[in-house]
Every structure is written in structure tokens, then in C-alpha cells.
């Protein structure tokens, strides 16, 4: 029996966090990831869409209620997980003009307190936000000699999704 993830909508000071993928503004996400992030600069829209569709839970941050009218999406994060033992946090951002309002900390609280993610072995990669993530229990890997990774192969990925690079 598969368990469908229920969406949630939280509000604080006029800002909202939702896990409803249908509310996400793909243009905002794509523009930030492909033009402003260091980790996916130049990525295609097709791959951004596929990464959202294939993620377990996506979190959108909005200036205004995303279920009413046309509020602006101002942040994003996605989680890949089996909801039991393992989770990976990816593509976390808050648009520059909305930083300094505690939104990243609120987002991380919402993600790490999600009952289905709370106890999982949570991983992420970052070049510049160690102090943020440390506040939520993330720390450098111990015994890295026991960990392995297979390198990313953009050519293979682009061919699967029929993306010209």
C-alpha cells in the first residue's frame, strides 16, 4: 500500500509555505536555479520540471496565500526520500529581495519537523550555507571513507530527457 503525501499550507506574517506541487511557479524556480544558483546554472527547464515531478516533497514559499489570487513565489526546496530511513534536501533558495526575514529558518523548521522526515538520515550538499543547516542538526559527514558516490553524468541525463545542451 502506497501512502500519498498530504499537502500542507502554513502561514506566518503574510508568508506561506505549501507542499502542493500544483501551486509551484516553475518559471520562478527555473529562473533562479538556471541563472542565480551555483549548483544548477544553465540547467534546462525540462530538467527542472522533471526534478520537481520526481521529488517526494516540494516546498514553495509565497508572499501571500498561494491558494487565493496570484501571490509571488519567493522560495523553494525539494526533498527526495523513502520517508523511512533516508532523505536528501536539494535546491533550497529564497529570492535575494526576501532574504533576512527568517524565511530560510522557517522553511528548514517546517522541513525538518515534518513527521515523515524528522527521524530520517538527512543529507544535503552546500558550498555556502553551513551555519544555517547546522542549526537544524546537519553536520559534516563522519568517516567519509565509508561513503561513495557516482559522479553526475549530464550527457546521460540530457539524453533521457531529450534535452539539447
N, C-alpha and C. Protein backbone atom coordinates (compact mmCIF):
# COMPACT_ATOMS: atom_id res chain seq x y z
N UNK A 1 0.85 -1.18 0.00
CA UNK A 1 0.00 0.00 0.00
C UNK A 1 0.89 1.24 0.00
N UNK A 2 0.73 2.10 -0.99
CA UNK A 2 1.47 3.35 -1.05
C UNK A 2 0.74 4.42 -0.27
N UNK A 3 1.51 5.25 0.43
CA UNK A 3 0.93 6.34 1.21
C UNK A 3 1.13 7.62 0.43
N UNK A 4 0.05 8.31 0.10
CA UNK A 4 0.14 9.57 -0.62
C UNK A 4 0.46 10.68 0.38
N UNK A 5 1.44 11.50 0.03
CA UNK A 5 1.82 12.62 0.88
C UNK A 5 0.72 13.69 0.84
N UNK A 6 0.21 14.05 1.98
CA UNK A 6 -0.80 15.12 2.05
C UNK A 6 -0.09 16.46 1.95
N UNK A 7 -0.75 17.42 1.32
CA UNK A 7 -0.16 18.74 1.23
C UNK A 7 -0.49 19.52 2.49
N UNK A 8 0.39 20.47 2.80
CA UNK A 8 0.11 21.34 3.93
C UNK A 8 0.29 22.78 3.51
N UNK A 9 -0.36 23.68 4.22
CA UNK A 9 -0.27 25.11 3.98
C UNK A 9 -0.11 25.78 5.33
N UNK A 10 1.02 26.47 5.50
CA UNK A 10 1.32 27.15 6.76
C UNK A 10 1.48 28.64 6.49
N UNK A 11 1.12 29.46 7.48
CA UNK A 11 1.19 30.91 7.32
C UNK A 11 1.95 31.53 8.48
N UNK A 12 2.75 32.56 8.17
CA UNK A 12 3.45 33.35 9.18
C UNK A 12 3.71 34.74 8.61
N UNK A 13 3.17 35.74 9.25
CA UNK A 13 3.40 37.15 8.87
C UNK A 13 3.10 37.43 7.40
N UNK A 14 2.07 36.81 6.85
CA UNK A 14 1.69 37.05 5.45
C UNK A 14 2.44 36.21 4.45
N UNK A 15 3.41 35.42 4.92
CA UNK A 15 4.14 34.50 4.06
C UNK A 15 3.57 33.10 4.26
N UNK A 16 3.60 32.30 3.21
CA UNK A 16 3.02 30.96 3.25
C UNK A 16 4.05 29.95 2.77
N UNK A 17 3.97 28.76 3.35
CA UNK A 17 4.71 27.61 2.85
C UNK A 17 3.69 26.54 2.51
N UNK A 18 3.82 26.00 1.30
CA UNK A 18 2.90 24.95 0.85
C UNK A 18 3.71 23.80 0.25
N UNK A 19 3.17 22.59 0.41
CA UNK A 19 3.77 21.42 -0.22
C UNK A 19 2.95 20.96 -1.43
N UNK A 20 2.05 21.77 -1.88
CA UNK A 20 1.23 21.45 -3.05
C UNK A 20 2.01 21.78 -4.32
N UNK A 21 2.47 20.76 -5.02
CA UNK A 21 3.27 20.97 -6.24
C UNK A 21 2.51 21.75 -7.30
N UNK A 22 1.19 21.65 -7.33
CA UNK A 22 0.41 22.33 -8.36
C UNK A 22 0.46 23.86 -8.19
N UNK A 23 0.86 24.34 -7.02
CA UNK A 23 0.94 25.78 -6.77
C UNK A 23 2.30 26.37 -7.14
N UNK A 24 3.29 25.51 -7.41
CA UNK A 24 4.64 25.99 -7.69
C UNK A 24 4.69 26.80 -8.98
N UNK A 25 5.47 27.87 -8.96
CA UNK A 25 5.70 28.69 -10.14
C UNK A 25 7.00 28.20 -10.78
N UNK A 26 6.89 27.35 -11.78
CA UNK A 26 8.06 26.74 -12.40
C UNK A 26 8.99 27.79 -12.99
N UNK A 27 8.43 28.90 -13.48
CA UNK A 27 9.27 29.96 -14.06
C UNK A 27 10.20 30.56 -13.01
N UNK A 28 9.68 30.82 -11.81
CA UNK A 28 10.49 31.38 -10.73
C UNK A 28 11.59 30.39 -10.35
N UNK A 29 11.22 29.13 -10.19
CA UNK A 29 12.18 28.09 -9.81
C UNK A 29 13.24 27.94 -10.89
N UNK A 30 12.80 27.81 -12.12
CA UNK A 30 13.73 27.65 -13.24
C UNK A 30 14.67 28.85 -13.35
N UNK A 31 14.13 30.06 -13.30
CA UNK A 31 14.97 31.25 -13.44
C UNK A 31 16.02 31.33 -12.35
N UNK A 32 15.62 31.02 -11.10
CA UNK A 32 16.62 31.09 -10.03
C UNK A 32 17.68 30.00 -10.22
N UNK A 33 17.25 28.77 -10.39
CA UNK A 33 18.20 27.66 -10.48
C UNK A 33 19.13 27.79 -11.68
N UNK A 34 18.60 28.21 -12.82
CA UNK A 34 19.42 28.25 -14.03
C UNK A 34 20.26 29.52 -14.16
N UNK A 35 19.87 30.60 -13.47
CA UNK A 35 20.58 31.87 -13.65
C UNK A 35 21.27 32.38 -12.40
N UNK A 36 20.81 31.98 -11.21
CA UNK A 36 21.37 32.55 -9.98
C UNK A 36 22.03 31.55 -9.06
N UNK A 37 21.73 30.27 -9.22
CA UNK A 37 22.35 29.29 -8.32
C UNK A 37 23.71 28.88 -8.86
N UNK A 38 24.59 28.48 -7.96
CA UNK A 38 25.89 27.97 -8.39
C UNK A 38 25.82 26.49 -8.72
N UNK A 39 24.79 25.81 -8.26
CA UNK A 39 24.75 24.35 -8.41
C UNK A 39 24.01 23.87 -9.65
N UNK A 40 23.18 24.71 -10.27
CA UNK A 40 22.45 24.29 -11.47
C UNK A 40 22.45 25.35 -12.55
N UNK A 41 23.42 26.23 -12.51
CA UNK A 41 23.48 27.30 -13.50
C UNK A 41 23.46 26.71 -14.91
N UNK A 42 22.57 27.22 -15.73
CA UNK A 42 22.48 26.78 -17.12
C UNK A 42 21.63 25.54 -17.33
N UNK A 43 21.00 25.03 -16.30
CA UNK A 43 20.17 23.84 -16.48
C UNK A 43 18.95 24.15 -17.34
N UNK A 44 18.38 23.14 -17.91
CA UNK A 44 17.21 23.34 -18.77
C UNK A 44 15.92 23.33 -17.95
N UNK A 45 14.90 23.96 -18.51
CA UNK A 45 13.59 23.96 -17.86
C UNK A 45 13.02 22.54 -17.77
N UNK A 46 13.25 21.74 -18.79
CA UNK A 46 12.75 20.36 -18.78
C UNK A 46 13.31 19.57 -17.60
N UNK A 47 14.57 19.78 -17.28
CA UNK A 47 15.18 19.06 -16.15
C UNK A 47 14.68 19.59 -14.81
N UNK A 48 14.42 20.89 -14.73
CA UNK A 48 13.84 21.46 -13.50
C UNK A 48 12.45 20.86 -13.27
N UNK A 49 11.65 20.81 -14.31
CA UNK A 49 10.30 20.23 -14.20
C UNK A 49 10.38 18.77 -13.79
N UNK A 50 11.27 18.01 -14.43
CA UNK A 50 11.41 16.59 -14.09
C UNK A 50 11.85 16.40 -12.65
N UNK A 51 12.75 17.25 -12.17
CA UNK A 51 13.23 17.12 -10.78
C UNK A 51 12.10 17.40 -9.79
N UNK A 52 11.22 18.32 -10.11
CA UNK A 52 10.07 18.61 -9.25
C UNK A 52 9.11 17.42 -9.27
N UNK A 53 8.78 16.96 -10.46
CA UNK A 53 7.83 15.84 -10.58
C UNK A 53 8.34 14.59 -9.87
N UNK A 54 9.64 14.35 -9.90
CA UNK A 54 10.22 13.14 -9.34
C UNK A 54 10.60 13.26 -7.87
N UNK A 55 10.41 14.41 -7.26
CA UNK A 55 10.74 14.61 -5.85
C UNK A 55 9.60 14.16 -4.95
N UNK A 56 9.95 13.70 -3.78
CA UNK A 56 8.97 13.21 -2.82
C UNK A 56 8.09 14.34 -2.30
N UNK A 57 8.73 15.42 -1.85
CA UNK A 57 8.01 16.58 -1.31
C UNK A 57 8.70 17.84 -1.83
N UNK A 58 7.93 18.79 -2.31
CA UNK A 58 8.45 20.11 -2.69
C UNK A 58 7.78 21.16 -1.81
N UNK A 59 8.57 22.15 -1.43
CA UNK A 59 8.10 23.23 -0.58
C UNK A 59 8.22 24.55 -1.34
N UNK A 60 7.11 25.26 -1.46
CA UNK A 60 7.13 26.59 -2.04
C UNK A 60 6.89 27.61 -0.93
N UNK A 61 7.62 28.71 -0.98
CA UNK A 61 7.39 29.84 -0.06
C UNK A 61 6.76 30.95 -0.90
N UNK A 62 5.71 31.55 -0.37
CA UNK A 62 4.94 32.55 -1.12
C UNK A 62 4.73 33.82 -0.31
N UNK A 63 4.74 34.94 -1.00
CA UNK A 63 4.35 36.22 -0.42
C UNK A 63 2.86 36.36 -0.70
N UNK A 64 2.05 35.88 0.23
CA UNK A 64 0.61 35.83 0.05
C UNK A 64 0.13 34.40 -0.05
N UNK A 65 -1.16 34.21 0.12
CA UNK A 65 -1.76 32.88 0.11
C UNK A 65 -1.78 32.32 -1.31
N UNK A 66 -1.04 31.23 -1.56
CA UNK A 66 -0.97 30.70 -2.93
C UNK A 66 -2.27 30.03 -3.40
N UNK A 67 -3.21 29.83 -2.50
CA UNK A 67 -4.49 29.23 -2.90
C UNK A 67 -5.50 30.29 -3.30
N UNK A 68 -5.12 31.57 -3.15
CA UNK A 68 -6.02 32.68 -3.49
C UNK A 68 -5.25 33.72 -4.30
N UNK A 69 -5.81 34.12 -5.41
CA UNK A 69 -5.19 35.16 -6.22
C UNK A 69 -3.91 34.68 -6.87
N UNK A 70 -2.96 35.60 -7.01
CA UNK A 70 -1.71 35.28 -7.69
C UNK A 70 -0.53 35.77 -6.85
N UNK A 71 -0.27 35.13 -5.71
CA UNK A 71 0.85 35.57 -4.89
C UNK A 71 2.18 35.22 -5.56
N UNK A 72 3.23 35.88 -5.13
CA UNK A 72 4.56 35.68 -5.70
C UNK A 72 5.27 34.55 -4.97
N UNK A 73 5.78 33.58 -5.73
CA UNK A 73 6.63 32.55 -5.12
C UNK A 73 7.99 33.16 -4.87
N UNK A 74 8.49 33.02 -3.64
CA UNK A 74 9.74 33.67 -3.26
C UNK A 74 10.80 32.69 -2.76
N UNK A 75 10.46 31.41 -2.69
CA UNK A 75 11.43 30.43 -2.23
C UNK A 75 11.00 29.03 -2.59
N UNK A 76 11.92 28.09 -2.39
CA UNK A 76 11.68 26.73 -2.83
C UNK A 76 12.66 25.78 -2.15
N UNK A 77 12.25 24.55 -1.99
CA UNK A 77 13.13 23.44 -1.59
C UNK A 77 12.45 22.16 -2.00
N UNK A 78 13.25 21.13 -2.23
CA UNK A 78 12.67 19.84 -2.53
C UNK A 78 13.40 18.76 -1.77
N UNK A 79 12.65 17.69 -1.46
CA UNK A 79 13.19 16.57 -0.69
C UNK A 79 12.94 15.29 -1.46
N UNK A 80 13.97 14.48 -1.53
CA UNK A 80 13.87 13.12 -2.08
C UNK A 80 14.03 12.19 -0.90
N UNK A 81 13.10 11.26 -0.73
CA UNK A 81 13.13 10.43 0.47
C UNK A 81 12.32 9.16 0.29
N UNK A 82 12.68 8.15 1.09
CA UNK A 82 11.83 6.97 1.21
C UNK A 82 10.88 7.11 2.39
N UNK A 83 10.97 8.24 3.10
CA UNK A 83 10.13 8.58 4.25
C UNK A 83 10.28 7.58 5.41
N UNK A 84 11.38 6.87 5.41
CA UNK A 84 11.66 5.91 6.48
C UNK A 84 13.08 6.10 7.00
N UNK A 85 14.08 5.90 6.12
CA UNK A 85 15.46 5.95 6.57
C UNK A 85 16.27 7.09 5.96
N UNK A 86 15.96 7.51 4.76
CA UNK A 86 16.86 8.38 4.03
C UNK A 86 16.13 9.56 3.40
N UNK A 87 16.77 10.74 3.48
CA UNK A 87 16.25 11.94 2.81
C UNK A 87 17.41 12.75 2.27
N UNK A 88 17.18 13.43 1.16
CA UNK A 88 18.14 14.33 0.56
C UNK A 88 17.43 15.66 0.31
N UNK A 89 18.01 16.74 0.82
CA UNK A 89 17.47 18.09 0.65
C UNK A 89 18.18 18.76 -0.52
N UNK A 90 17.42 19.35 -1.42
CA UNK A 90 18.03 19.93 -2.63
C UNK A 90 17.34 21.23 -3.03
N UNK A 91 18.08 22.04 -3.79
CA UNK A 91 17.58 23.23 -4.47
C UNK A 91 16.89 24.22 -3.54
N UNK A 92 17.46 24.42 -2.37
CA UNK A 92 16.89 25.35 -1.38
C UNK A 92 17.28 26.78 -1.76
N UNK A 93 16.28 27.66 -1.84
CA UNK A 93 16.58 29.07 -2.05
C UNK A 93 15.44 29.95 -1.59
N UNK A 94 15.79 31.18 -1.24
CA UNK A 94 14.86 32.28 -1.03
C UNK A 94 15.38 33.40 -1.94
N UNK A 95 14.49 34.01 -2.70
CA UNK A 95 14.90 35.08 -3.61
C UNK A 95 15.62 36.18 -2.83
N UNK A 96 16.67 36.76 -3.42
CA UNK A 96 17.50 37.74 -2.69
C UNK A 96 16.73 38.87 -2.02
N UNK A 97 15.69 39.38 -2.66
CA UNK A 97 14.97 40.52 -2.08
C UNK A 97 14.12 40.14 -0.87
N UNK A 98 13.99 38.85 -0.58
CA UNK A 98 13.21 38.39 0.57
C UNK A 98 14.09 37.75 1.66
N UNK A 99 15.39 37.82 1.49
CA UNK A 99 16.30 37.27 2.49
C UNK A 99 16.38 38.21 3.69
N UNK A 100 16.80 37.66 4.83
CA UNK A 100 16.92 38.45 6.05
C UNK A 100 15.62 38.57 6.83
N UNK A 101 14.60 37.83 6.45
CA UNK A 101 13.29 37.86 7.12
C UNK A 101 13.03 36.59 7.92
N UNK A 102 14.02 35.71 8.02
CA UNK A 102 13.85 34.46 8.75
C UNK A 102 13.14 33.38 7.96
N UNK A 103 12.94 33.58 6.67
CA UNK A 103 12.19 32.62 5.86
C UNK A 103 12.95 31.31 5.67
N UNK A 104 14.26 31.38 5.51
CA UNK A 104 15.05 30.15 5.36
C UNK A 104 14.98 29.31 6.63
N UNK A 105 15.07 29.96 7.77
CA UNK A 105 14.98 29.22 9.04
C UNK A 105 13.59 28.63 9.22
N UNK A 106 12.58 29.38 8.87
CA UNK A 106 11.21 28.86 8.97
C UNK A 106 11.04 27.66 8.04
N UNK A 107 11.53 27.78 6.80
CA UNK A 107 11.44 26.68 5.85
C UNK A 107 12.16 25.44 6.39
N UNK A 108 13.36 25.63 6.91
CA UNK A 108 14.11 24.48 7.45
C UNK A 108 13.40 23.87 8.65
N UNK A 109 12.77 24.68 9.47
CA UNK A 109 12.00 24.15 10.60
C UNK A 109 10.85 23.29 10.09
N UNK A 110 10.13 23.80 9.10
CA UNK A 110 8.99 23.06 8.54
C UNK A 110 9.47 21.73 7.95
N UNK A 111 10.56 21.75 7.21
CA UNK A 111 11.07 20.53 6.57
C UNK A 111 11.54 19.53 7.62
N UNK A 112 12.38 19.98 8.54
CA UNK A 112 12.98 19.04 9.49
C UNK A 112 12.00 18.56 10.56
N UNK A 113 10.89 19.27 10.75
CA UNK A 113 9.88 18.84 11.72
C UNK A 113 8.75 18.04 11.06
N UNK A 114 8.80 17.87 9.74
CA UNK A 114 7.80 17.04 9.07
C UNK A 114 7.88 15.65 9.70
N UNK A 115 6.78 15.13 10.25
CA UNK A 115 6.82 13.85 10.94
C UNK A 115 7.41 12.70 10.13
N UNK A 116 7.22 12.73 8.80
CA UNK A 116 7.73 11.65 7.97
C UNK A 116 9.20 11.81 7.61
N UNK A 117 9.77 13.00 7.85
CA UNK A 117 11.17 13.25 7.55
C UNK A 117 12.02 13.37 8.82
N UNK A 118 11.39 13.68 9.92
CA UNK A 118 12.07 14.07 11.15
C UNK A 118 13.17 13.10 11.58
N UNK A 119 12.93 11.81 11.53
CA UNK A 119 13.92 10.85 12.01
C UNK A 119 14.83 10.29 10.95
N UNK A 120 14.64 10.68 9.70
CA UNK A 120 15.43 10.08 8.63
C UNK A 120 16.87 10.59 8.65
N UNK A 121 17.74 9.81 8.05
CA UNK A 121 19.14 10.20 7.85
C UNK A 121 19.12 11.22 6.72
N UNK A 122 19.25 12.49 7.07
CA UNK A 122 19.05 13.61 6.14
C UNK A 122 20.39 14.09 5.60
N UNK A 123 20.52 14.20 4.29
CA UNK A 123 21.75 14.65 3.66
C UNK A 123 21.47 15.89 2.80
N UNK A 124 22.52 16.65 2.54
CA UNK A 124 22.47 17.78 1.62
C UNK A 124 23.88 18.11 1.21
N UNK A 125 23.99 18.95 0.22
CA UNK A 125 25.27 19.49 -0.19
C UNK A 125 25.16 21.01 -0.22
N UNK A 126 26.18 21.69 0.29
CA UNK A 126 26.18 23.15 0.26
C UNK A 126 27.61 23.66 0.18
N UNK A 127 27.76 24.79 -0.45
CA UNK A 127 29.06 25.44 -0.53
C UNK A 127 29.13 26.63 0.41
N UNK A 128 27.95 27.18 0.79
CA UNK A 128 27.99 28.45 1.50
C UNK A 128 26.98 28.61 2.64
N UNK A 129 26.20 27.60 2.97
CA UNK A 129 25.14 27.79 3.98
C UNK A 129 25.30 26.83 5.17
N UNK A 130 26.52 26.48 5.49
CA UNK A 130 26.77 25.54 6.59
C UNK A 130 26.15 26.00 7.91
N UNK A 131 26.26 27.28 8.20
CA UNK A 131 25.76 27.77 9.50
C UNK A 131 24.23 27.67 9.59
N UNK A 132 23.54 27.86 8.50
CA UNK A 132 22.08 27.69 8.51
C UNK A 132 21.73 26.24 8.81
N UNK A 133 22.30 25.33 8.06
CA UNK A 133 21.95 23.92 8.21
C UNK A 133 22.40 23.33 9.55
N UNK A 134 23.50 23.83 10.08
CA UNK A 134 23.98 23.34 11.38
C UNK A 134 22.94 23.59 12.48
N UNK A 135 22.17 24.66 12.35
CA UNK A 135 21.13 24.97 13.34
C UNK A 135 20.03 23.91 13.37
N UNK A 136 19.98 23.07 12.34
CA UNK A 136 18.93 22.05 12.24
C UNK A 136 19.50 20.63 12.30
N UNK A 137 20.68 20.52 12.90
CA UNK A 137 21.26 19.21 13.16
C UNK A 137 22.15 18.64 12.07
N UNK A 138 22.34 19.37 10.99
CA UNK A 138 23.23 18.89 9.93
C UNK A 138 24.67 19.14 10.35
N UNK A 139 25.54 18.18 10.06
CA UNK A 139 26.95 18.34 10.38
C UNK A 139 27.78 17.62 9.32
N UNK A 140 29.06 17.95 9.24
CA UNK A 140 29.90 17.28 8.24
C UNK A 140 29.86 15.77 8.45
N UNK A 141 29.98 15.05 7.35
CA UNK A 141 29.96 13.59 7.42
C UNK A 141 31.16 13.07 8.20
N UNK A 142 30.90 12.08 9.02
CA UNK A 142 31.98 11.37 9.70
C UNK A 142 32.35 10.17 8.85
N UNK A 143 33.55 9.73 8.97
CA UNK A 143 34.03 8.55 8.25
C UNK A 143 33.67 8.61 6.76
N UNK A 144 34.06 9.70 6.13
CA UNK A 144 33.75 9.85 4.71
C UNK A 144 34.35 8.73 3.87
N UNK A 145 35.37 8.06 4.42
CA UNK A 145 35.95 6.95 3.69
C UNK A 145 34.96 5.79 3.52
N UNK A 146 33.88 5.79 4.29
CA UNK A 146 32.84 4.77 4.16
C UNK A 146 31.74 5.16 3.17
N UNK A 147 31.81 6.38 2.66
CA UNK A 147 30.79 6.87 1.73
C UNK A 147 31.33 6.84 0.31
N UNK A 148 30.44 6.60 -0.60
CA UNK A 148 30.81 6.61 -2.01
C UNK A 148 29.73 7.34 -2.80
N UNK A 149 30.10 7.84 -3.95
CA UNK A 149 29.14 8.50 -4.83
C UNK A 149 29.54 8.22 -6.26
N UNK A 150 28.55 8.13 -7.12
CA UNK A 150 28.81 8.01 -8.54
C UNK A 150 28.66 9.41 -9.13
N UNK A 151 29.62 9.86 -9.93
CA UNK A 151 29.56 11.23 -10.47
C UNK A 151 28.33 11.46 -11.34
N UNK A 152 27.88 12.69 -11.36
CA UNK A 152 26.77 13.12 -12.19
C UNK A 152 27.19 13.04 -13.66
N UNK A 153 26.33 12.53 -14.51
CA UNK A 153 26.60 12.40 -15.93
C UNK A 153 25.53 13.17 -16.70
N UNK A 154 25.80 14.46 -16.97
CA UNK A 154 24.82 15.31 -17.63
C UNK A 154 24.45 14.79 -19.02
N UNK A 155 25.41 14.21 -19.73
CA UNK A 155 25.10 13.69 -21.07
C UNK A 155 24.03 12.60 -20.99
N UNK A 156 24.16 11.68 -20.04
CA UNK A 156 23.17 10.62 -19.88
C UNK A 156 21.81 11.20 -19.48
N UNK A 157 21.82 12.15 -18.56
CA UNK A 157 20.56 12.76 -18.11
C UNK A 157 19.89 13.52 -19.25
N UNK A 158 20.67 14.33 -19.96
CA UNK A 158 20.10 15.10 -21.07
C UNK A 158 19.54 14.19 -22.16
N UNK A 159 20.18 13.05 -22.41
CA UNK A 159 19.67 12.16 -23.44
C UNK A 159 18.36 11.50 -23.01
N UNK A 160 18.22 11.16 -21.74
CA UNK A 160 16.98 10.56 -21.24
C UNK A 160 15.81 11.54 -21.39
N UNK A 161 16.06 12.81 -21.06
CA UNK A 161 15.00 13.82 -21.11
C UNK A 161 14.98 14.59 -22.42
N UNK A 162 15.79 14.13 -23.38
CA UNK A 162 15.85 14.71 -24.72
C UNK A 162 16.08 16.22 -24.67
N UNK A 163 17.12 16.59 -23.89
CA UNK A 163 17.48 17.98 -23.74
C UNK A 163 18.78 18.23 -24.52
N UNK A 164 18.76 19.25 -25.38
CA UNK A 164 19.99 19.66 -26.08
C UNK A 164 20.75 20.60 -25.18
N UNK A 165 22.01 20.37 -25.04
CA UNK A 165 22.81 21.23 -24.16
C UNK A 165 23.71 22.08 -24.97
